[in-house]
C-alpha atoms as a PDB file:
ATOM      1  CA  UNK A   1      15.284  -9.984   5.300  1.00  0.00           C
ATOM      2  CA  UNK A   2      15.239 -13.325   7.046  1.00  0.00           C
ATOM      3  CA  UNK A   3      13.829 -16.186   5.021  1.00  0.00           C
ATOM      4  CA  UNK A   4      10.844 -17.868   6.536  1.00  0.00           C
ATOM      5  CA  UNK A   5      10.646 -21.632   6.349  1.00  0.00           C
ATOM      6  CA  UNK A   6       7.466 -23.121   4.918  1.00  0.00           C
ATOM      7  CA  UNK A   7       4.962 -24.359   7.470  1.00  0.00           C
ATOM      8  CA  UNK A   8       4.630 -28.068   8.288  1.00  0.00           C
ATOM      9  CA  UNK A   9       1.418 -28.503   6.274  1.00  0.00           C
ATOM     10  CA  UNK A  10       3.017 -26.969   3.176  1.00  0.00           C
ATOM     11  CA  UNK A  11       6.220 -28.947   3.660  1.00  0.00           C
ATOM     12  CA  UNK A  12       4.234 -32.198   3.851  1.00  0.00           C
ATOM     13  CA  UNK A  13       2.523 -31.503   0.504  1.00  0.00           C
ATOM     14  CA  UNK A  14       5.813 -30.409  -1.064  1.00  0.00           C
ATOM     15  CA  UNK A  15       7.504 -33.649  -0.002  1.00  0.00           C
ATOM     16  CA  UNK A  16       4.619 -35.656  -1.481  1.00  0.00           C
ATOM     17  CA  UNK A  17       5.125 -33.938  -4.843  1.00  0.00           C
ATOM     18  CA  UNK A  18       8.927 -33.943  -4.938  1.00  0.00           C
ATOM     19  CA  UNK A  19      11.093 -34.921  -1.995  1.00  0.00           C
ATOM     20  CA  UNK A  20      14.100 -32.707  -2.649  1.00  0.00           C
ATOM     21  CA  UNK A  21      15.620 -29.891  -0.611  1.00  0.00           C
ATOM     22  CA  UNK A  22      15.914 -27.660  -3.676  1.00  0.00           C
ATOM     23  CA  UNK A  23      12.224 -28.087  -4.550  1.00  0.00           C
ATOM     24  CA  UNK A  24      11.276 -27.336  -0.933  1.00  0.00           C
ATOM     25  CA  UNK A  25      13.405 -24.168  -1.048  1.00  0.00           C
ATOM     26  CA  UNK A  26      11.797 -23.066  -4.321  1.00  0.00           C
ATOM     27  CA  UNK A  27       8.295 -23.571  -2.924  1.00  0.00           C
ATOM     28  CA  UNK A  28       9.326 -21.685   0.233  1.00  0.00           C
ATOM     29  CA  UNK A  29      10.435 -18.784  -1.968  1.00  0.00           C
ATOM     30  CA  UNK A  30       7.116 -18.870  -3.823  1.00  0.00           C
ATOM     31  CA  UNK A  31       5.326 -18.809  -0.474  1.00  0.00           C
ATOM     32  CA  UNK A  32       7.300 -15.705   0.520  1.00  0.00           C
ATOM     33  CA  UNK A  33       6.479 -14.133  -2.856  1.00  0.00           C
ATOM     34  CA  UNK A  34       2.796 -14.926  -2.333  1.00  0.00           C
ATOM     35  CA  UNK A  35       2.952 -13.412   1.161  1.00  0.00           C
ATOM     36  CA  UNK A  36       4.417 -10.133  -0.165  1.00  0.00           C
ATOM     37  CA  UNK A  37       1.947  -9.917  -3.076  1.00  0.00           C
ATOM     38  CA  UNK A  38      -0.967 -10.787  -0.795  1.00  0.00           C
ATOM     39  CA  UNK A  39       0.034  -7.965   1.563  1.00  0.00           C
ATOM     40  CA  UNK A  40       0.097  -5.569  -1.401  1.00  0.00           C
ATOM     41  CA  UNK A  41      -3.284  -6.875  -2.583  1.00  0.00           C
ATOM     42  CA  UNK A  42      -4.748  -6.080   0.819  1.00  0.00           C
ATOM     43  CA  UNK A  43      -3.620  -2.450   0.731  1.00  0.00           C
ATOM     44  CA  UNK A  44      -5.612   0.210  -1.069  1.00  0.00           C
ATOM     45  CA  UNK A  45      -3.316   0.599  -4.078  1.00  0.00           C
ATOM     46  CA  UNK A  46      -5.712   2.891  -5.880  1.00  0.00           C
ATOM     47  CA  UNK A  47      -5.880   5.477  -3.103  1.00  0.00           C
ATOM     48  CA  UNK A  48      -2.106   5.337  -2.594  1.00  0.00           C
ATOM     49  CA  UNK A  49      -1.534   5.871  -6.322  1.00  0.00           C
ATOM     50  CA  UNK A  50      -4.011   8.771  -6.374  1.00  0.00           C
ATOM     51  CA  UNK A  51      -2.238  10.383  -3.425  1.00  0.00           C
ATOM     52  CA  UNK A  52       1.126   9.896  -5.104  1.00  0.00           C
ATOM     53  CA  UNK A  53      -0.150  11.543  -8.295  1.00  0.00           C
ATOM     54  CA  UNK A  54      -1.513  14.482  -6.301  1.00  0.00           C
ATOM     55  CA  UNK A  55       1.861  14.928  -4.608  1.00  0.00           C
ATOM     56  CA  UNK A  56       3.630  14.721  -7.960  1.00  0.00           C
ATOM     57  CA  UNK A  57       1.316  17.345  -9.462  1.00  0.00           C
ATOM     58  CA  UNK A  58       1.891  19.677  -6.549  1.00  0.00           C
ATOM     59  CA  UNK A  59       5.677  19.510  -6.821  1.00  0.00           C
ATOM     60  CA  UNK A  60       5.894  19.294 -10.611  1.00  0.00           C
ATOM     61  CA  UNK A  61       3.623  22.287 -11.028  1.00  0.00           C
ATOM     62  CA  UNK A  62       5.549  24.316  -8.467  1.00  0.00           C
ATOM     63  CA  UNK A  63       8.904  23.450 -10.037  1.00  0.00           C
ATOM     64  CA  UNK A  64       7.644  24.190 -13.563  1.00  0.00           C
ATOM     65  CA  UNK A  65       6.397  27.599 -12.359  1.00  0.00           C
ATOM     66  CA  UNK A  66       9.737  28.249 -10.657  1.00  0.00           C
ATOM     67  CA  UNK A  67      11.637  27.403 -13.838  1.00  0.00           C
ATOM     68  CA  UNK A  68       9.351  29.668 -15.898  1.00  0.00           C
ATOM     69  CA  UNK A  69      10.170  32.524 -13.524  1.00  0.00           C
ATOM     70  CA  UNK A  70      13.882  31.710 -13.803  1.00  0.00           C
ATOM     71  CA  UNK A  71      13.716  31.727 -17.627  1.00  0.00           C
ATOM     72  CA  UNK A  72      12.174  35.181 -17.863  1.00  0.00           C
ATOM     73  CA  UNK A  73      14.355  37.730 -19.574  1.00  0.00           C
ATOM     74  CA  UNK A  74      14.292  39.885 -16.463  1.00  0.00           C
ATOM     75  CA  UNK A  75      17.515  38.937 -14.658  1.00  0.00           C
ATOM     76  CA  UNK A  76      16.440  40.694 -11.457  1.00  0.00           C
ATOM     77  CA  UNK A  77      14.197  37.832 -10.281  1.00  0.00           C
ATOM     78  CA  UNK A  78      15.523  35.696  -7.446  1.00  0.00           C
ATOM     79  CA  UNK A  79      14.709  32.565  -9.445  1.00  0.00           C
ATOM     80  CA  UNK A  80      16.909  33.776 -12.329  1.00  0.00           C
ATOM     81  CA  UNK A  81      19.771  34.491  -9.915  1.00  0.00           C
ATOM     82  CA  UNK A  82      19.366  31.096  -8.245  1.00  0.00           C
ATOM     83  CA  UNK A  83      19.392  29.257 -11.583  1.00  0.00           C
ATOM     84  CA  UNK A  84      22.523  31.209 -12.576  1.00  0.00           C
ATOM     85  CA  UNK A  85      24.265  30.080  -9.376  1.00  0.00           C
ATOM     86  CA  UNK A  86      23.201  26.470  -9.989  1.00  0.00           C
ATOM     87  CA  UNK A  87      24.506  26.674 -13.565  1.00  0.00           C
ATOM     88  CA  UNK A  88      27.852  28.089 -12.457  1.00  0.00           C
ATOM     89  CA  UNK A  89      28.410  25.316  -9.942  1.00  0.00           C
ATOM     90  CA  UNK A  90      26.933  22.508 -12.000  1.00  0.00           C
ATOM     91  CA  UNK A  91      28.205  23.340 -15.488  1.00  0.00           C
ATOM     92  CA  UNK A  92      30.718  26.143 -14.951  1.00  0.00           C
ATOM     93  CA  UNK A  93      28.420  28.378 -17.005  1.00  0.00           C
ATOM     94  CA  UNK A  94      25.213  30.113 -15.957  1.00  0.00           C
ATOM     95  CA  UNK A  95      23.608  30.073 -19.456  1.00  0.00           C
ATOM     96  CA  UNK A  96      24.053  26.292 -19.655  1.00  0.00           C
ATOM     97  CA  UNK A  97      21.601  25.826 -16.754  1.00  0.00           C
ATOM     98  CA  UNK A  98      18.989  27.921 -18.557  1.00  0.00           C
ATOM     99  CA  UNK A  99      19.409  25.887 -21.749  1.00  0.00           C
ATOM    100  CA  UNK A 100      19.253  22.521 -19.977  1.00  0.00           C
ATOM    101  CA  UNK A 101      16.345  23.395 -17.741  1.00  0.00           C
ATOM    102  CA  UNK A 102      14.028  24.532 -20.576  1.00  0.00           C
ATOM    103  CA  UNK A 103      13.409  20.919 -21.625  1.00  0.00           C
ATOM    104  CA  UNK A 104      12.901  19.952 -17.974  1.00  0.00           C
ATOM    105  CA  UNK A 105      10.300  22.696 -17.578  1.00  0.00           C
ATOM    106  CA  UNK A 106       8.478  21.507 -20.707  1.00  0.00           C
ATOM    107  CA  UNK A 107       8.524  17.913 -19.500  1.00  0.00           C
ATOM    108  CA  UNK A 108       7.248  18.907 -16.044  1.00  0.00           C
ATOM    109  CA  UNK A 109       4.360  20.822 -17.586  1.00  0.00           C
ATOM    110  CA  UNK A 110       3.407  17.860 -19.802  1.00  0.00           C
ATOM    111  CA  UNK A 111       3.753  15.396 -16.932  1.00  0.00           C
ATOM    112  CA  UNK A 112       1.649  17.611 -14.666  1.00  0.00           C
ATOM    113  CA  UNK A 113      -1.133  17.711 -17.276  1.00  0.00           C
ATOM    114  CA  UNK A 114      -0.919  13.963 -17.826  1.00  0.00           C
ATOM    115  CA  UNK A 115      -1.058  13.273 -14.088  1.00  0.00           C
ATOM    116  CA  UNK A 116      -4.195  15.425 -13.950  1.00  0.00           C
ATOM    117  CA  UNK A 117      -5.793  13.335 -16.700  1.00  0.00           C
ATOM    118  CA  UNK A 118      -4.840  10.173 -14.803  1.00  0.00           C
ATOM    119  CA  UNK A 119      -6.560  11.500 -11.703  1.00  0.00           C
ATOM    120  CA  UNK A 120      -9.653  12.272 -13.751  1.00  0.00           C
ATOM    121  CA  UNK A 121      -9.772   8.728 -15.145  1.00  0.00           C
ATOM    122  CA  UNK A 122     -11.548   6.753 -12.416  1.00  0.00           C
ATOM    123  CA  UNK A 123     -10.975   3.456 -14.254  1.00  0.00           C
ATOM    124  CA  UNK A 124      -7.255   3.623 -13.467  1.00  0.00           C
ATOM    125  CA  UNK A 125      -7.937   3.121  -9.767  1.00  0.00           C
ATOM    126  CA  UNK A 126     -10.200   0.127  -9.186  1.00  0.00           C
ATOM    127  CA  UNK A 127     -12.282   0.217  -6.034  1.00  0.00           C
ATOM    128  CA  UNK A 128     -12.205  -3.547  -5.556  1.00  0.00           C
ATOM    129  CA  UNK A 129      -8.976  -4.965  -4.192  1.00  0.00           C
ATOM    130  CA  UNK A 130      -6.934  -6.786  -6.798  1.00  0.00           C
ATOM    131  CA  UNK A 131      -5.809 -10.381  -6.426  1.00  0.00           C
ATOM    132  CA  UNK A 132      -2.380 -10.462  -8.003  1.00  0.00           C
ATOM    133  CA  UNK A 133      -0.860 -12.903  -5.514  1.00  0.00           C
ATOM    134  CA  UNK A 134      -2.412 -16.088  -6.987  1.00  0.00           C
ATOM    135  CA  UNK A 135      -1.413 -15.156 -10.546  1.00  0.00           C
ATOM    136  CA  UNK A 136       2.160 -14.245  -9.572  1.00  0.00           C
ATOM    137  CA  UNK A 137       2.580 -17.401  -7.485  1.00  0.00           C
ATOM    138  CA  UNK A 138       0.931 -19.508 -10.209  1.00  0.00           C
ATOM    139  CA  UNK A 139       3.434 -18.232 -12.746  1.00  0.00           C
ATOM    140  CA  UNK A 140       6.340 -18.971 -10.399  1.00  0.00           C
ATOM    141  CA  UNK A 141       4.938 -22.419  -9.648  1.00  0.00           C
ATOM    142  CA  UNK A 142       4.657 -23.225 -13.368  1.00  0.00           C
ATOM    143  CA  UNK A 143       8.305 -22.229 -13.829  1.00  0.00           C
ATOM    144  CA  UNK A 144       9.339 -24.331 -10.831  1.00  0.00           C
ATOM    145  CA  UNK A 145       7.498 -27.381 -12.146  1.00  0.00           C
ATOM    146  CA  UNK A 146       9.174 -26.900 -15.515  1.00  0.00           C
ATOM    147  CA  UNK A 147      12.600 -26.493 -13.883  1.00  0.00           C
ATOM    148  CA  UNK A 148      12.168 -29.711 -11.895  1.00  0.00           C
ATOM    149  CA  UNK A 149      10.694 -31.495 -14.926  1.00  0.00           C
ATOM    150  CA  UNK A 150       7.413 -32.201 -13.163  1.00  0.00           C
ATOM    151  CA  UNK A 151       4.107 -32.549 -14.976  1.00  0.00           C
ATOM    152  CA  UNK A 152       1.858 -29.596 -14.250  1.00  0.00           C
ATOM    153  CA  UNK A 153      -1.774 -30.547 -14.026  1.00  0.00           C
ATOM    154  CA  UNK A 154      -4.527 -28.065 -13.328  1.00  0.00           C
ATOM    155  CA  UNK A 155      -6.975 -30.849 -12.549  1.00  0.00           C
ATOM    156  CA  UNK A 156      -8.944 -30.447  -9.352  1.00  0.00           C
ATOM    157  CA  UNK A 157      -6.676 -32.824  -7.429  1.00  0.00           C
ATOM    158  CA  UNK A 158      -3.488 -32.021  -9.389  1.00  0.00           C
ATOM    159  CA  UNK A 159      -0.214 -31.491  -7.536  1.00  0.00           C
ATOM    160  CA  UNK A 160       0.145 -27.902  -8.721  1.00  0.00           C
ATOM    161  CA  UNK A 161      -3.356 -26.980  -7.575  1.00  0.00           C
ATOM    162  CA  UNK A 162      -2.866 -28.592  -4.171  1.00  0.00           C
ATOM    163  CA  UNK A 163       0.481 -26.825  -3.820  1.00  0.00           C
ATOM    164  CA  UNK A 164      -0.877 -23.406  -4.769  1.00  0.00           C
ATOM    165  CA  UNK A 165      -3.735 -23.713  -2.267  1.00  0.00           C
ATOM    166  CA  UNK A 166      -1.241 -24.813   0.415  1.00  0.00           C
ATOM    167  CA  UNK A 167       1.105 -21.939  -0.498  1.00  0.00           C
ATOM    168  CA  UNK A 168      -1.772 -19.485  -0.126  1.00  0.00           C
ATOM    169  CA  UNK A 169      -2.693 -20.898   3.284  1.00  0.00           C
ATOM    170  CA  UNK A 170       0.945 -20.830   4.383  1.00  0.00           C
ATOM    171  CA  UNK A 171       1.119 -17.178   3.299  1.00  0.00           C
ATOM    172  CA  UNK A 172      -1.995 -16.272   5.285  1.00  0.00           C
ATOM    173  CA  UNK A 173      -4.588 -16.344   2.501  1.00  0.00           C
ATOM    174  CA  UNK A 174      -7.190 -18.905   3.533  1.00  0.00           C
ATOM    175  CA  UNK A 175      -9.660 -17.611   0.916  1.00  0.00           C
ATOM    176  CA  UNK A 176      -7.985 -19.096  -2.169  1.00  0.00           C
ATOM    177  CA  UNK A 177     -10.263 -21.818  -3.484  1.00  0.00           C
ATOM    178  CA  UNK A 178      -9.350 -24.768  -5.679  1.00  0.00           C
ATOM    179  CA  UNK A 179     -11.140 -23.073  -8.590  1.00  0.00           C
ATOM    180  CA  UNK A 180      -9.147 -19.857  -8.034  1.00  0.00           C
ATOM    181  CA  UNK A 181      -5.918 -21.872  -7.936  1.00  0.00           C
ATOM    182  CA  UNK A 182      -6.802 -23.670 -11.163  1.00  0.00           C
ATOM    183  CA  UNK A 183      -7.512 -20.351 -12.873  1.00  0.00           C
ATOM    184  CA  UNK A 184      -4.277 -18.799 -11.569  1.00  0.00           C
ATOM    185  CA  UNK A 185      -2.245 -21.759 -12.831  1.00  0.00           C
ATOM    186  CA  UNK A 186      -3.924 -21.620 -16.206  1.00  0.00           C
ATOM    187  CA  UNK A 187      -3.081 -17.961 -16.807  1.00  0.00           C
ATOM    188  CA  UNK A 188       0.174 -17.039 -18.490  1.00  0.00           C
ATOM    189  CA  UNK A 189       1.706 -13.872 -17.042  1.00  0.00           C
ATOM    190  CA  UNK A 190       4.121 -11.597 -18.857  1.00  0.00           C
ATOM    191  CA  UNK A 191       7.544 -11.286 -17.314  1.00  0.00           C
ATOM    192  CA  UNK A 192       7.738  -8.437 -14.866  1.00  0.00           C
END
């Protein structure tokens, strides 16, 4: 992926805060990070996660059922024969596949049930779009200020606040207000 240089407006503010090439590069990286997070914020994460869980349930349930058929004592089922062939090639022993796959079948059944409970829990999928980009960029900006031994001020006209607003604009988010930037800089985020 080609790195995108910060826009002229952002570069001007960066140079006012710290006129170094390394600082400019770090802020450019934060701008790219903000851009990626902002794009994710704009997508419907909740509906994508719900769809992913539905797909998982479909396949996990089908595979768990297949394994249950393969584990039946009746060796005349095609599933039993197929699992024997897999075991011979994979382990050199057909019974080894049956032993190993029992725990997989149990896990798939539990995971299928859990995914169903997740789908039932509406709170897991917020309807309102999330705004992770300011918090992620604020955390990165705090670390950058610390690295360059700059004083981080969340005052209304502080350098960090002005930079975060400029980063947001450079990344295509013109909606980030000074108050939002101050809040994002004040929050401590756990390491991802």
